[in-house]
């Protein structure tokens, strides 16, 4: 998927719980558009379960396939047994702007390295099964100036091609600030040129 294209993001925060060998695993998954938002979600979950032994987490900031900022933590579990497995599940799902926290209440029985990886991975997968998704479309600004006679044509195009008119200034020409899906800039610019028969200035 190209950078700037639309992608799926969480539409809500969900939680799933399972017990494995007396240890309780509580997975919380929600939307976080950047690292700051991810850390806020992680801290909020820690505050909900202050007496838990571990709060292992991972996040994917931005789109899922465009070299997005990612982060993870084993939070005291053996290295590589929690944070990275959680991140791998998130990346495999191809969902953007997502953070997962798995809270563990230790039940007294050690699970071993493989057992921990499976426990943390499956906990996140359980939560993802119930996660509602919505489409996120990255927008960019496009400034144009057109003759007064073309304003209604641009407004009609906005309805047909799902871009927004964010501002209009009336002077010698009609200056319009448009919000356009980033992956449709060329197509929409071409349509504008077409309806205006070349009488348009892009800035």
N, C-alpha and C. Protein backbone atom coordinates (compact mmCIF):
# COMPACT_ATOMS: atom_id res chain seq x y z
N UNK A 1 0.85 -1.18 0.00
CA UNK A 1 0.00 0.00 0.00
C UNK A 1 0.88 1.23 0.00
N UNK A 2 0.65 2.16 -0.86
CA UNK A 2 1.48 3.34 -0.95
C UNK A 2 1.23 4.25 0.23
N UNK A 3 2.28 5.02 0.60
CA UNK A 3 2.12 5.99 1.65
C UNK A 3 1.02 6.97 1.26
N UNK A 4 0.19 7.32 2.23
CA UNK A 4 -0.86 8.27 1.96
C UNK A 4 -2.16 7.63 1.52
N UNK A 5 -2.16 6.36 1.17
CA UNK A 5 -3.39 5.69 0.77
C UNK A 5 -4.27 5.46 1.99
N UNK A 6 -5.52 5.08 1.76
CA UNK A 6 -6.41 4.80 2.88
C UNK A 6 -6.02 3.48 3.54
N UNK A 7 -6.34 3.36 4.81
CA UNK A 7 -6.07 2.11 5.53
C UNK A 7 -7.05 1.99 6.68
N UNK A 8 -7.15 0.80 7.23
CA UNK A 8 -8.08 0.53 8.32
C UNK A 8 -7.46 0.89 9.67
N UNK A 9 -8.29 1.46 10.55
CA UNK A 9 -7.86 1.81 11.90
C UNK A 9 -8.94 1.35 12.89
N UNK A 10 -8.59 1.18 14.17
CA UNK A 10 -9.60 0.80 15.15
C UNK A 10 -10.70 1.86 15.27
N UNK A 11 -11.93 1.42 15.39
CA UNK A 11 -13.07 2.33 15.56
C UNK A 11 -13.49 2.41 17.03
N UNK A 12 -12.87 1.60 17.88
CA UNK A 12 -13.20 1.59 19.30
C UNK A 12 -12.06 0.91 20.05
N UNK A 13 -12.12 0.94 21.36
CA UNK A 13 -11.17 0.20 22.19
C UNK A 13 -11.87 -1.06 22.70
N UNK A 14 -11.20 -2.19 22.54
CA UNK A 14 -11.81 -3.46 22.96
C UNK A 14 -10.89 -4.18 23.94
N UNK A 15 -11.45 -5.16 24.61
CA UNK A 15 -10.69 -5.90 25.62
C UNK A 15 -11.09 -7.37 25.56
N UNK A 16 -10.10 -8.24 25.72
CA UNK A 16 -10.35 -9.69 25.77
C UNK A 16 -9.48 -10.28 26.87
N UNK A 17 -9.99 -11.32 27.49
CA UNK A 17 -9.29 -11.91 28.63
C UNK A 17 -9.23 -13.43 28.49
N UNK A 18 -8.12 -14.00 28.92
CA UNK A 18 -8.02 -15.46 28.98
C UNK A 18 -7.13 -15.86 30.15
N UNK A 19 -7.31 -17.09 30.61
CA UNK A 19 -6.49 -17.62 31.69
C UNK A 19 -5.69 -18.79 31.17
N UNK A 20 -4.38 -18.76 31.42
CA UNK A 20 -3.48 -19.83 30.98
C UNK A 20 -2.63 -20.25 32.18
N UNK A 21 -2.79 -21.47 32.62
CA UNK A 21 -2.05 -22.00 33.77
C UNK A 21 -2.09 -21.04 34.95
N UNK A 22 -3.28 -20.60 35.27
CA UNK A 22 -3.57 -19.72 36.42
C UNK A 22 -3.11 -18.28 36.24
N UNK A 23 -2.38 -17.98 35.15
CA UNK A 23 -2.06 -16.58 34.85
C UNK A 23 -3.20 -15.97 34.06
N UNK A 24 -3.55 -14.75 34.42
CA UNK A 24 -4.65 -14.04 33.76
C UNK A 24 -4.06 -13.03 32.78
N UNK A 25 -4.46 -13.12 31.53
CA UNK A 25 -3.98 -12.21 30.48
C UNK A 25 -5.16 -11.36 30.00
N UNK A 26 -5.00 -10.04 30.09
CA UNK A 26 -6.05 -9.11 29.67
C UNK A 26 -5.49 -8.24 28.55
N UNK A 27 -6.02 -8.40 27.35
CA UNK A 27 -5.54 -7.64 26.19
C UNK A 27 -6.48 -6.46 25.93
N UNK A 28 -5.88 -5.28 25.82
CA UNK A 28 -6.62 -4.06 25.48
C UNK A 28 -6.06 -3.54 24.16
N UNK A 29 -6.94 -3.32 23.19
CA UNK A 29 -6.51 -2.84 21.87
C UNK A 29 -7.34 -1.62 21.50
N UNK A 30 -6.66 -0.57 21.03
CA UNK A 30 -7.38 0.64 20.65
C UNK A 30 -6.59 1.48 19.67
N UNK A 31 -7.16 2.60 19.28
CA UNK A 31 -6.54 3.48 18.29
C UNK A 31 -5.61 4.49 18.96
N UNK A 32 -4.45 4.69 18.36
CA UNK A 32 -3.51 5.72 18.79
C UNK A 32 -2.76 6.17 17.54
N UNK A 33 -2.97 7.42 17.15
CA UNK A 33 -2.45 7.90 15.87
C UNK A 33 -0.96 8.18 15.88
N UNK A 34 -0.36 8.33 17.07
CA UNK A 34 1.08 8.58 17.14
C UNK A 34 1.63 8.00 18.45
N UNK A 35 2.95 8.14 18.64
CA UNK A 35 3.58 7.54 19.81
C UNK A 35 3.02 8.13 21.11
N UNK A 36 2.79 9.43 21.11
CA UNK A 36 2.27 10.08 22.32
C UNK A 36 0.92 9.49 22.72
N UNK A 37 0.03 9.34 21.74
CA UNK A 37 -1.29 8.76 22.01
C UNK A 37 -1.16 7.31 22.46
N UNK A 38 -0.21 6.58 21.86
CA UNK A 38 0.01 5.18 22.25
C UNK A 38 0.43 5.09 23.71
N UNK A 39 1.39 5.95 24.10
CA UNK A 39 1.86 5.90 25.48
C UNK A 39 0.76 6.31 26.47
N UNK A 40 -0.11 7.23 26.05
CA UNK A 40 -1.24 7.61 26.90
C UNK A 40 -2.18 6.43 27.13
N UNK A 41 -2.45 5.67 26.06
CA UNK A 41 -3.31 4.49 26.20
C UNK A 41 -2.66 3.46 27.11
N UNK A 42 -1.36 3.24 26.93
CA UNK A 42 -0.63 2.28 27.76
C UNK A 42 -0.70 2.68 29.24
N UNK A 43 -0.46 3.95 29.51
CA UNK A 43 -0.49 4.43 30.90
C UNK A 43 -1.89 4.33 31.50
N UNK A 44 -2.90 4.55 30.67
CA UNK A 44 -4.28 4.45 31.14
C UNK A 44 -4.60 3.01 31.57
N UNK A 45 -4.13 2.05 30.76
CA UNK A 45 -4.36 0.64 31.09
C UNK A 45 -3.60 0.27 32.37
N UNK A 46 -2.38 0.74 32.50
CA UNK A 46 -1.62 0.48 33.73
C UNK A 46 -2.36 1.01 34.96
N UNK A 47 -2.99 2.17 34.79
CA UNK A 47 -3.75 2.75 35.89
C UNK A 47 -4.99 1.94 36.25
N UNK A 48 -5.55 1.24 35.27
CA UNK A 48 -6.73 0.40 35.53
C UNK A 48 -6.37 -0.87 36.28
N UNK A 49 -5.14 -1.36 36.06
CA UNK A 49 -4.69 -2.62 36.68
C UNK A 49 -3.35 -2.39 37.39
N UNK A 50 -3.35 -1.55 38.42
CA UNK A 50 -2.07 -1.16 39.05
C UNK A 50 -1.34 -2.30 39.76
N UNK A 51 -2.07 -3.35 40.12
CA UNK A 51 -1.46 -4.45 40.87
C UNK A 51 -1.02 -5.61 39.98
N UNK A 52 -1.10 -5.45 38.66
CA UNK A 52 -0.69 -6.52 37.74
C UNK A 52 0.83 -6.63 37.71
N UNK A 53 1.32 -7.84 37.39
CA UNK A 53 2.77 -8.08 37.35
C UNK A 53 3.41 -7.43 36.12
N UNK A 54 2.75 -7.53 34.96
CA UNK A 54 3.32 -7.02 33.71
C UNK A 54 2.27 -6.30 32.88
N UNK A 55 2.72 -5.28 32.16
CA UNK A 55 1.90 -4.60 31.15
C UNK A 55 2.76 -4.54 29.88
N UNK A 56 2.68 -5.56 29.06
CA UNK A 56 3.49 -5.63 27.84
C UNK A 56 2.71 -5.00 26.69
N UNK A 57 3.42 -4.33 25.79
CA UNK A 57 2.69 -3.56 24.77
C UNK A 57 3.44 -3.45 23.45
N UNK A 58 2.68 -3.01 22.45
CA UNK A 58 3.25 -2.69 21.13
C UNK A 58 2.31 -1.72 20.45
N UNK A 59 2.87 -0.91 19.56
CA UNK A 59 2.03 0.02 18.80
C UNK A 59 2.55 0.17 17.38
N UNK A 60 1.64 0.54 16.48
CA UNK A 60 1.96 0.91 15.10
C UNK A 60 1.35 2.29 14.88
N UNK A 61 2.20 3.31 14.76
CA UNK A 61 1.71 4.67 14.55
C UNK A 61 1.69 4.95 13.05
N UNK A 62 0.62 5.57 12.57
CA UNK A 62 0.49 5.85 11.15
C UNK A 62 -0.03 4.64 10.40
N UNK A 63 0.19 4.66 9.08
CA UNK A 63 -0.28 3.57 8.23
C UNK A 63 0.48 2.29 8.49
N UNK A 64 -0.12 1.13 8.20
CA UNK A 64 0.51 -0.14 8.53
C UNK A 64 1.62 -0.59 7.59
N UNK A 65 1.70 -0.01 6.38
CA UNK A 65 2.65 -0.53 5.40
C UNK A 65 3.58 0.53 4.84
N UNK A 66 3.74 1.65 5.55
CA UNK A 66 4.55 2.72 4.97
C UNK A 66 5.75 3.08 5.84
N UNK A 67 6.34 2.08 6.50
CA UNK A 67 7.50 2.34 7.34
C UNK A 67 7.13 3.15 8.57
N UNK A 68 5.95 2.91 9.08
CA UNK A 68 5.43 3.68 10.21
C UNK A 68 6.28 3.48 11.46
N UNK A 69 6.17 4.41 12.36
CA UNK A 69 6.82 4.33 13.66
C UNK A 69 6.20 3.18 14.45
N UNK A 70 7.02 2.29 14.94
CA UNK A 70 6.52 1.19 15.76
C UNK A 70 7.31 1.14 17.07
N UNK A 71 6.72 0.55 18.08
CA UNK A 71 7.40 0.40 19.34
C UNK A 71 6.84 -0.80 20.09
N UNK A 72 7.62 -1.34 21.03
CA UNK A 72 7.15 -2.48 21.83
C UNK A 72 7.98 -2.60 23.10
N UNK A 73 7.42 -3.29 24.09
CA UNK A 73 8.13 -3.51 25.34
C UNK A 73 7.73 -4.85 25.94
N UNK A 74 8.73 -5.57 26.47
CA UNK A 74 8.47 -6.83 27.18
C UNK A 74 8.08 -6.58 28.63
N UNK A 75 8.31 -5.36 29.11
CA UNK A 75 7.86 -4.94 30.45
C UNK A 75 8.21 -5.93 31.55
N UNK A 76 9.45 -6.41 31.53
CA UNK A 76 9.89 -7.31 32.60
C UNK A 76 9.80 -8.79 32.29
N UNK A 77 9.09 -9.15 31.23
CA UNK A 77 9.07 -10.55 30.79
C UNK A 77 10.41 -10.85 30.10
N UNK A 78 10.80 -12.13 29.98
CA UNK A 78 12.03 -12.46 29.26
C UNK A 78 12.06 -11.83 27.87
N UNK A 79 13.23 -11.35 27.47
CA UNK A 79 13.37 -10.62 26.21
C UNK A 79 12.83 -11.41 25.02
N UNK A 80 12.00 -10.74 24.23
CA UNK A 80 11.47 -11.34 23.01
C UNK A 80 10.23 -12.19 23.19
N UNK A 81 9.71 -12.27 24.42
CA UNK A 81 8.57 -13.17 24.66
C UNK A 81 7.21 -12.47 24.66
N UNK A 82 7.21 -11.13 24.64
CA UNK A 82 5.93 -10.43 24.80
C UNK A 82 5.75 -9.28 23.80
N UNK A 83 6.56 -8.23 23.93
CA UNK A 83 6.38 -7.05 23.08
C UNK A 83 6.48 -7.33 21.60
N UNK A 84 7.54 -8.03 21.20
CA UNK A 84 7.72 -8.31 19.77
C UNK A 84 6.63 -9.24 19.22
N UNK A 85 6.25 -10.31 19.94
CA UNK A 85 5.13 -11.13 19.47
C UNK A 85 3.83 -10.33 19.32
N UNK A 86 3.57 -9.41 20.25
CA UNK A 86 2.37 -8.56 20.14
C UNK A 86 2.47 -7.71 18.87
N UNK A 87 3.64 -7.09 18.66
CA UNK A 87 3.84 -6.26 17.47
C UNK A 87 3.67 -7.08 16.19
N UNK A 88 4.20 -8.29 16.17
CA UNK A 88 4.09 -9.13 14.97
C UNK A 88 2.62 -9.41 14.63
N UNK A 89 1.80 -9.63 15.64
CA UNK A 89 0.36 -9.86 15.40
C UNK A 89 -0.26 -8.61 14.78
N UNK A 90 0.07 -7.43 15.33
CA UNK A 90 -0.49 -6.18 14.81
C UNK A 90 -0.07 -5.95 13.36
N UNK A 91 1.22 -6.15 13.07
CA UNK A 91 1.71 -5.93 11.71
C UNK A 91 1.08 -6.91 10.72
N UNK A 92 0.87 -8.14 11.16
CA UNK A 92 0.28 -9.15 10.29
C UNK A 92 -1.16 -8.79 9.92
N UNK A 93 -1.86 -8.11 10.82
CA UNK A 93 -3.26 -7.73 10.56
C UNK A 93 -3.37 -6.57 9.59
N UNK A 94 -2.30 -5.80 9.43
CA UNK A 94 -2.34 -4.68 8.47
C UNK A 94 -3.25 -3.55 8.89
N UNK A 95 -3.36 -3.30 10.19
CA UNK A 95 -4.20 -2.22 10.72
C UNK A 95 -3.29 -1.07 11.15
N UNK A 96 -3.67 0.16 10.84
CA UNK A 96 -2.86 1.32 11.21
C UNK A 96 -3.32 1.96 12.50
N UNK A 97 -2.47 2.83 13.05
CA UNK A 97 -2.79 3.64 14.23
C UNK A 97 -3.36 2.79 15.37
N UNK A 98 -2.63 1.73 15.70
CA UNK A 98 -3.15 0.75 16.66
C UNK A 98 -2.15 0.50 17.79
N UNK A 99 -2.69 0.35 18.99
CA UNK A 99 -1.88 0.03 20.16
C UNK A 99 -2.52 -1.14 20.90
N UNK A 100 -1.68 -2.05 21.37
CA UNK A 100 -2.16 -3.19 22.15
C UNK A 100 -1.36 -3.28 23.45
N UNK A 101 -2.07 -3.49 24.54
CA UNK A 101 -1.45 -3.71 25.84
C UNK A 101 -1.98 -5.03 26.39
N UNK A 102 -1.07 -5.90 26.80
CA UNK A 102 -1.50 -7.15 27.43
C UNK A 102 -1.04 -7.13 28.89
N UNK A 103 -2.00 -7.11 29.77
CA UNK A 103 -1.76 -7.08 31.21
C UNK A 103 -1.75 -8.52 31.73
N UNK A 104 -0.74 -8.83 32.55
CA UNK A 104 -0.65 -10.20 33.09
C UNK A 104 -0.67 -10.19 34.61
N UNK A 105 -1.56 -10.99 35.14
CA UNK A 105 -1.54 -11.31 36.57
C UNK A 105 -0.93 -12.70 36.70
N UNK A 106 0.24 -12.78 37.30
CA UNK A 106 0.98 -14.04 37.39
C UNK A 106 0.26 -15.02 38.32
N UNK A 107 0.11 -16.25 37.82
CA UNK A 107 -0.63 -17.26 38.59
C UNK A 107 0.23 -18.25 39.33
N UNK A 108 1.56 -18.04 39.31
CA UNK A 108 2.44 -18.92 40.08
C UNK A 108 3.09 -20.03 39.28
N UNK A 109 2.64 -20.23 38.05
CA UNK A 109 3.22 -21.29 37.21
C UNK A 109 3.95 -20.63 36.04
N UNK A 110 5.24 -20.92 35.89
CA UNK A 110 6.01 -20.35 34.78
C UNK A 110 5.59 -21.02 33.47
N UNK A 111 5.50 -20.21 32.41
CA UNK A 111 5.03 -20.73 31.12
C UNK A 111 6.16 -21.09 30.18
N UNK A 112 7.37 -20.64 30.47
CA UNK A 112 8.47 -20.89 29.55
C UNK A 112 8.43 -19.92 28.38
N UNK A 113 9.53 -19.84 27.65
CA UNK A 113 9.64 -18.87 26.56
C UNK A 113 8.56 -19.07 25.50
N UNK A 114 8.43 -20.29 25.00
CA UNK A 114 7.43 -20.57 23.97
C UNK A 114 6.02 -20.34 24.47
N UNK A 115 5.77 -20.71 25.72
CA UNK A 115 4.44 -20.52 26.30
C UNK A 115 4.07 -19.05 26.42
N UNK A 116 5.06 -18.23 26.78
CA UNK A 116 4.80 -16.79 26.89
C UNK A 116 4.49 -16.18 25.54
N UNK A 117 5.27 -16.55 24.53
CA UNK A 117 5.03 -16.03 23.17
C UNK A 117 3.62 -16.37 22.73
N UNK A 118 3.23 -17.62 22.92
CA UNK A 118 1.88 -18.05 22.52
C UNK A 118 0.81 -17.33 23.32
N UNK A 119 1.04 -17.14 24.61
CA UNK A 119 0.05 -16.50 25.47
C UNK A 119 -0.18 -15.04 25.08
N UNK A 120 0.91 -14.32 24.87
CA UNK A 120 0.76 -12.90 24.51
C UNK A 120 0.19 -12.74 23.11
N UNK A 121 0.65 -13.57 22.18
CA UNK A 121 0.13 -13.50 20.80
C UNK A 121 -1.35 -13.81 20.76
N UNK A 122 -1.75 -14.89 21.41
CA UNK A 122 -3.15 -15.31 21.34
C UNK A 122 -4.07 -14.33 22.08
N UNK A 123 -3.55 -13.69 23.12
CA UNK A 123 -4.35 -12.70 23.84
C UNK A 123 -4.71 -11.53 22.94
N UNK A 124 -3.73 -11.04 22.18
CA UNK A 124 -3.99 -9.93 21.26
C UNK A 124 -4.92 -10.38 20.14
N UNK A 125 -4.70 -11.58 19.63
CA UNK A 125 -5.56 -12.09 18.55
C UNK A 125 -7.01 -12.17 19.00
N UNK A 126 -7.24 -12.57 20.23
CA UNK A 126 -8.61 -12.64 20.76
C UNK A 126 -9.27 -11.26 20.75
N UNK A 127 -8.51 -10.25 21.17
CA UNK A 127 -9.06 -8.89 21.19
C UNK A 127 -9.33 -8.40 19.78
N UNK A 128 -8.43 -8.70 18.85
CA UNK A 128 -8.59 -8.24 17.47
C UNK A 128 -9.82 -8.85 16.80
N UNK A 129 -10.21 -10.03 17.24
CA UNK A 129 -11.40 -10.69 16.66
C UNK A 129 -12.67 -9.87 16.88
N UNK A 130 -12.69 -9.05 17.92
CA UNK A 130 -13.88 -8.26 18.23
C UNK A 130 -13.70 -6.78 17.90
N UNK A 131 -12.55 -6.42 17.33
CA UNK A 131 -12.24 -5.01 17.09
C UNK A 131 -12.98 -4.45 15.88
N UNK A 132 -13.84 -3.43 16.07
CA UNK A 132 -14.48 -2.80 14.91
C UNK A 132 -13.47 -1.88 14.21
N UNK A 133 -13.56 -1.82 12.90
CA UNK A 133 -12.61 -1.03 12.11
C UNK A 133 -13.32 0.03 11.30
N UNK A 134 -12.58 1.09 11.00
CA UNK A 134 -13.09 2.14 10.12
C UNK A 134 -11.97 2.54 9.17
N UNK A 135 -12.32 3.14 8.05
CA UNK A 135 -11.31 3.52 7.07
C UNK A 135 -10.77 4.92 7.37
N UNK A 136 -9.46 5.03 7.36
CA UNK A 136 -8.81 6.34 7.51
C UNK A 136 -8.24 6.75 6.15
N UNK A 137 -8.58 7.95 5.72
CA UNK A 137 -8.08 8.47 4.45
C UNK A 137 -7.21 9.68 4.73
N UNK A 138 -5.94 9.62 4.35
CA UNK A 138 -5.06 10.76 4.55
C UNK A 138 -5.38 11.84 3.55
N UNK A 139 -5.51 13.07 4.07
CA UNK A 139 -5.88 14.20 3.23
C UNK A 139 -4.69 15.15 3.06
N UNK A 140 -4.71 15.90 1.97
CA UNK A 140 -3.73 16.95 1.75
C UNK A 140 -4.46 18.18 1.21
N UNK A 141 -3.83 19.34 1.32
CA UNK A 141 -4.46 20.58 0.88
C UNK A 141 -4.12 20.88 -0.58
N UNK A 142 -5.08 21.43 -1.28
CA UNK A 142 -4.90 21.83 -2.67
C UNK A 142 -5.55 23.20 -2.83
N UNK A 143 -4.77 24.19 -3.26
CA UNK A 143 -5.29 25.56 -3.43
C UNK A 143 -5.48 25.85 -4.91
N UNK A 144 -6.66 26.35 -5.27
CA UNK A 144 -6.94 26.68 -6.67
C UNK A 144 -7.62 28.05 -6.75
N UNK A 145 -7.50 28.66 -7.91
CA UNK A 145 -8.22 29.90 -8.22
C UNK A 145 -8.93 29.68 -9.55
N UNK A 146 -10.24 29.94 -9.58
CA UNK A 146 -11.03 29.71 -10.79
C UNK A 146 -11.94 30.92 -11.04
N UNK A 147 -12.42 31.08 -12.27
CA UNK A 147 -13.39 32.14 -12.56
C UNK A 147 -14.68 31.90 -11.76
N UNK A 148 -15.41 32.98 -11.49
CA UNK A 148 -16.66 32.88 -10.74
C UNK A 148 -17.62 31.88 -11.39
N UNK A 149 -17.60 31.82 -12.70
CA UNK A 149 -18.53 30.94 -13.41
C UNK A 149 -18.25 29.46 -13.18
N UNK A 150 -17.06 29.15 -12.64
CA UNK A 150 -16.67 27.76 -12.44
C UNK A 150 -16.88 27.27 -11.00
N UNK A 151 -17.25 28.17 -10.10
CA UNK A 151 -17.36 27.79 -8.69
C UNK A 151 -18.35 26.64 -8.49
N UNK A 152 -19.51 26.73 -9.11
CA UNK A 152 -20.51 25.67 -8.93
C UNK A 152 -20.02 24.34 -9.48
N UNK A 153 -19.24 24.38 -10.55
CA UNK A 153 -18.68 23.14 -11.12
C UNK A 153 -17.73 22.47 -10.14
N UNK A 154 -16.92 23.28 -9.44
CA UNK A 154 -15.99 22.72 -8.45
C UNK A 154 -16.78 22.12 -7.28
N UNK A 155 -17.84 22.80 -6.86
CA UNK A 155 -18.66 22.28 -5.76
C UNK A 155 -19.32 20.95 -6.15
N UNK A 156 -19.74 20.83 -7.40
CA UNK A 156 -20.31 19.57 -7.88
C UNK A 156 -19.27 18.46 -7.89
N UNK A 157 -18.05 18.82 -8.31
CA UNK A 157 -16.96 17.83 -8.31
C UNK A 157 -16.67 17.35 -6.89
N UNK A 158 -16.71 18.28 -5.93
CA UNK A 158 -16.42 17.93 -4.54
C UNK A 158 -17.39 16.86 -4.04
N UNK A 159 -18.65 16.98 -4.45
CA UNK A 159 -19.65 15.99 -4.06
C UNK A 159 -19.39 14.64 -4.72
N UNK A 160 -19.04 14.68 -5.99
CA UNK A 160 -18.84 13.44 -6.74
C UNK A 160 -17.56 12.71 -6.36
N UNK A 161 -16.50 13.45 -6.03
CA UNK A 161 -15.20 12.82 -5.78
C UNK A 161 -14.77 12.87 -4.32
N UNK A 162 -15.69 13.20 -3.42
CA UNK A 162 -15.45 13.12 -1.97
C UNK A 162 -14.23 13.90 -1.51
N UNK A 163 -14.10 15.13 -2.00
CA UNK A 163 -13.12 16.03 -1.39
C UNK A 163 -13.87 17.21 -0.78
N UNK A 164 -13.21 17.91 0.14
CA UNK A 164 -13.89 18.98 0.87
C UNK A 164 -13.42 20.35 0.42
N UNK A 165 -14.30 21.33 0.56
CA UNK A 165 -13.94 22.73 0.32
C UNK A 165 -13.80 23.37 1.69
N UNK A 166 -12.55 23.66 2.07
CA UNK A 166 -12.27 24.10 3.44
C UNK A 166 -12.27 25.61 3.59
N UNK A 167 -12.19 26.32 2.48
CA UNK A 167 -12.20 27.78 2.55
C UNK A 167 -12.38 28.38 1.17
N UNK A 168 -13.07 29.51 1.11
CA UNK A 168 -13.30 30.20 -0.16
C UNK A 168 -13.08 31.70 0.05
N UNK A 169 -12.29 32.31 -0.85
CA UNK A 169 -12.06 33.76 -0.82
C UNK A 169 -12.44 34.33 -2.17
N UNK A 170 -13.22 35.41 -2.14
CA UNK A 170 -13.67 36.03 -3.39
C UNK A 170 -12.86 37.30 -3.66
N UNK A 171 -12.17 37.30 -4.79
CA UNK A 171 -11.41 38.46 -5.22
C UNK A 171 -11.59 38.61 -6.71
N UNK A 172 -10.49 38.80 -7.43
CA UNK A 172 -10.58 38.84 -8.89
C UNK A 172 -11.05 37.49 -9.42
N UNK A 173 -10.69 36.44 -8.69
CA UNK A 173 -11.15 35.09 -9.00
C UNK A 173 -11.66 34.46 -7.71
N UNK A 174 -12.19 33.27 -7.81
CA UNK A 174 -12.61 32.54 -6.61
C UNK A 174 -11.45 31.64 -6.17
N UNK A 175 -10.88 31.95 -5.00
CA UNK A 175 -9.79 31.14 -4.47
C UNK A 175 -10.37 30.12 -3.51
N UNK A 176 -10.05 28.85 -3.73
CA UNK A 176 -10.63 27.78 -2.93
C UNK A 176 -9.53 26.90 -2.33
N UNK A 177 -9.68 26.60 -1.05
CA UNK A 177 -8.77 25.70 -0.37
C UNK A 177 -9.49 24.36 -0.25
N UNK A 178 -8.91 23.33 -0.87
CA UNK A 178 -9.56 22.02 -0.92
C UNK A 178 -8.83 21.01 -0.03
N UNK A 179 -9.59 20.11 0.57
CA UNK A 179 -9.02 18.97 1.28
C UNK A 179 -9.24 17.74 0.44
N UNK A 180 -8.13 17.17 -0.06
CA UNK A 180 -8.20 16.10 -1.06
C UNK A 180 -7.52 14.84 -0.55
N UNK A 181 -8.12 13.65 -0.74
CA UNK A 181 -7.41 12.41 -0.40
C UNK A 181 -6.06 12.37 -1.10
N UNK A 182 -5.00 12.12 -0.34
CA UNK A 182 -3.65 12.23 -0.87
C UNK A 182 -3.42 11.34 -2.09
N UNK A 183 -4.01 10.16 -2.09
CA UNK A 183 -3.77 9.25 -3.22
C UNK A 183 -4.65 9.56 -4.43
N UNK A 184 -5.47 10.63 -4.33
CA UNK A 184 -6.32 11.01 -5.46
C UNK A 184 -6.00 12.41 -5.99
N UNK A 185 -4.90 13.00 -5.54
CA UNK A 185 -4.57 14.38 -5.92
C UNK A 185 -4.48 14.53 -7.43
N UNK A 186 -3.75 13.64 -8.09
CA UNK A 186 -3.56 13.76 -9.54
C UNK A 186 -4.89 13.60 -10.28
N UNK A 187 -5.68 12.62 -9.87
CA UNK A 187 -6.96 12.38 -10.53
C UNK A 187 -7.90 13.57 -10.37
N UNK A 188 -7.99 14.08 -9.15
CA UNK A 188 -8.89 15.21 -8.89
C UNK A 188 -8.40 16.48 -9.58
N UNK A 189 -7.09 16.70 -9.58
CA UNK A 189 -6.53 17.86 -10.29
C UNK A 189 -6.88 17.80 -11.77
N UNK A 190 -6.80 16.60 -12.34
CA UNK A 190 -7.14 16.43 -13.75
C UNK A 190 -8.61 16.72 -14.02
N UNK A 191 -9.49 16.28 -13.11
CA UNK A 191 -10.92 16.55 -13.27
C UNK A 191 -11.22 18.05 -13.18
N UNK A 192 -10.51 18.73 -12.27
CA UNK A 192 -10.70 20.18 -12.13
C UNK A 192 -10.27 20.89 -13.41
N UNK A 193 -9.12 20.50 -13.95
CA UNK A 193 -8.67 21.12 -15.21
C UNK A 193 -9.69 20.88 -16.32
N UNK A 194 -10.24 19.67 -16.33
CA UNK A 194 -11.20 19.28 -17.37
C UNK A 194 -12.48 20.13 -17.30
N UNK A 195 -13.07 20.25 -16.11
CA UNK A 195 -14.33 21.00 -16.00
C UNK A 195 -14.11 22.50 -16.18
N UNK A 196 -12.91 22.96 -15.82
CA UNK A 196 -12.62 24.40 -15.97
C UNK A 196 -12.05 24.74 -17.34
N UNK A 197 -11.87 23.71 -18.17
CA UNK A 197 -11.33 23.90 -19.53
C UNK A 197 -10.03 24.69 -19.50
N UNK A 198 -9.20 24.37 -18.51
CA UNK A 198 -7.89 25.02 -18.40
C UNK A 198 -7.89 26.33 -17.65
N UNK A 199 -9.07 26.87 -17.34
CA UNK A 199 -9.14 28.16 -16.65
C UNK A 199 -9.05 27.98 -15.14
N UNK A 200 -7.94 27.46 -14.70
CA UNK A 200 -7.72 27.23 -13.27
C UNK A 200 -6.25 27.44 -12.97
N UNK A 201 -5.99 28.01 -11.80
CA UNK A 201 -4.61 28.22 -11.36
C UNK A 201 -4.40 27.45 -10.06
N UNK A 202 -3.40 26.56 -10.06
CA UNK A 202 -3.05 25.81 -8.85
C UNK A 202 -1.91 26.51 -8.14
N UNK A 203 -2.00 26.61 -6.83
CA UNK A 203 -0.91 27.25 -6.08
C UNK A 203 -0.57 26.44 -4.83
